Amino acid sequence: MKAADVRAKTDDELTGELDVLGKEIFNLRFQRANGQLENTARVRQVRRDIARIKTVLGERRRPALEGKS
């Protein structure tokens, strides 16, 4: 997922995507622990997608928080 794709989505869509990716990273970690993980690069990819989404959500929330001060 590219940063431009993340920025094009709404906050609700990003939150939903974050939930899906959270479940996926859990399953990938479980597979790795059991020795069943085939695509090891997917773990890194999902982690970075989660970080991208959290960064964009934080950027969007920051101006709202600064306005309340």
Protein backbone atom coordinates (compact mmCIF):
# COMPACT_ATOMS: atom_id res chain seq x y z
CA MET A 1 0.00 0.00 0.00
CA LYS A 2 1.41 3.36 -0.99
CA ALA A 3 1.20 6.52 1.10
CA ALA A 4 -0.95 8.19 -1.57
CA ASP A 5 -3.45 5.33 -1.30
CA VAL A 6 -3.61 5.76 2.46
CA ARG A 7 -4.10 9.52 2.25
CA ALA A 8 -6.95 9.08 -0.25
CA LYS A 9 -9.02 7.05 2.24
CA THR A 10 -11.28 8.41 4.96
CA ASP A 11 -10.56 8.01 8.67
CA ASP A 12 -13.24 5.32 8.97
CA GLU A 13 -11.77 3.34 6.10
CA LEU A 14 -8.30 3.61 7.61
CA THR A 15 -9.52 2.45 11.00
CA GLY A 16 -11.18 -0.56 9.38
CA GLU A 17 -8.03 -1.33 7.41
CA LEU A 18 -6.01 -1.06 10.63
CA ASP A 19 -8.24 -3.68 12.26
CA VAL A 20 -7.83 -6.03 9.29
CA LEU A 21 -4.05 -5.60 9.25
CA GLY A 22 -3.88 -6.14 13.01
CA LYS A 23 -5.60 -9.49 12.63
CA GLU A 24 -3.37 -10.39 9.71
CA ILE A 25 -0.14 -9.60 11.61
CA PHE A 26 -1.38 -11.73 14.50
CA ASN A 27 -2.00 -14.65 12.15
CA LEU A 28 1.37 -14.20 10.48
CA ARG A 29 3.17 -14.19 13.82
CA PHE A 30 1.28 -17.30 14.83
CA GLN A 31 2.27 -19.03 11.59
CA ARG A 32 5.90 -18.02 12.09
CA ALA A 33 5.92 -19.47 15.61
CA ASN A 34 4.54 -22.76 14.29
CA GLY A 35 6.97 -22.86 11.37
CA GLN A 36 4.19 -22.62 8.79
CA LEU A 37 4.94 -19.16 7.42
CA GLU A 38 5.68 -19.31 3.70
CA ASN A 39 5.93 -15.64 2.74
CA THR A 40 8.23 -14.11 5.35
CA ALA A 41 8.33 -10.76 3.57
CA ARG A 42 4.61 -10.29 4.22
CA VAL A 43 5.28 -9.68 7.93
CA ARG A 44 7.46 -6.68 7.13
CA GLN A 45 5.00 -5.40 4.55
CA VAL A 46 2.06 -5.54 6.97
CA ARG A 47 4.06 -3.86 9.74
CA ARG A 48 4.94 -1.00 7.44
CA ASP A 49 1.35 -0.64 6.22
CA ILE A 50 0.20 -0.40 9.84
CA ALA A 51 2.83 2.28 10.52
CA ARG A 52 1.76 4.23 7.42
CA ILE A 53 -1.88 4.20 8.46
CA LYS A 54 -1.08 5.24 12.04
CA THR A 55 1.12 8.06 10.77
CA VAL A 56 -1.58 9.46 8.50
CA LEU A 57 -4.24 9.19 11.21
CA GLY A 58 -1.91 10.98 13.62
CA GLU A 59 -1.25 13.74 11.11
CA ARG A 60 -4.98 14.25 10.64
CA ARG A 61 -5.70 14.33 14.38
CA ARG A 62 -2.83 16.63 15.31
CA PRO A 63 -4.36 19.91 13.98
CA ALA A 64 -7.59 19.17 15.84
CA LEU A 65 -5.69 18.65 19.10
CA GLU A 66 -3.61 21.80 18.65
CA GLY A 67 -6.75 23.86 18.12
CA LYS A 68 -8.15 22.80 21.49
CA SER A 69 -5.15 24.10 23.49
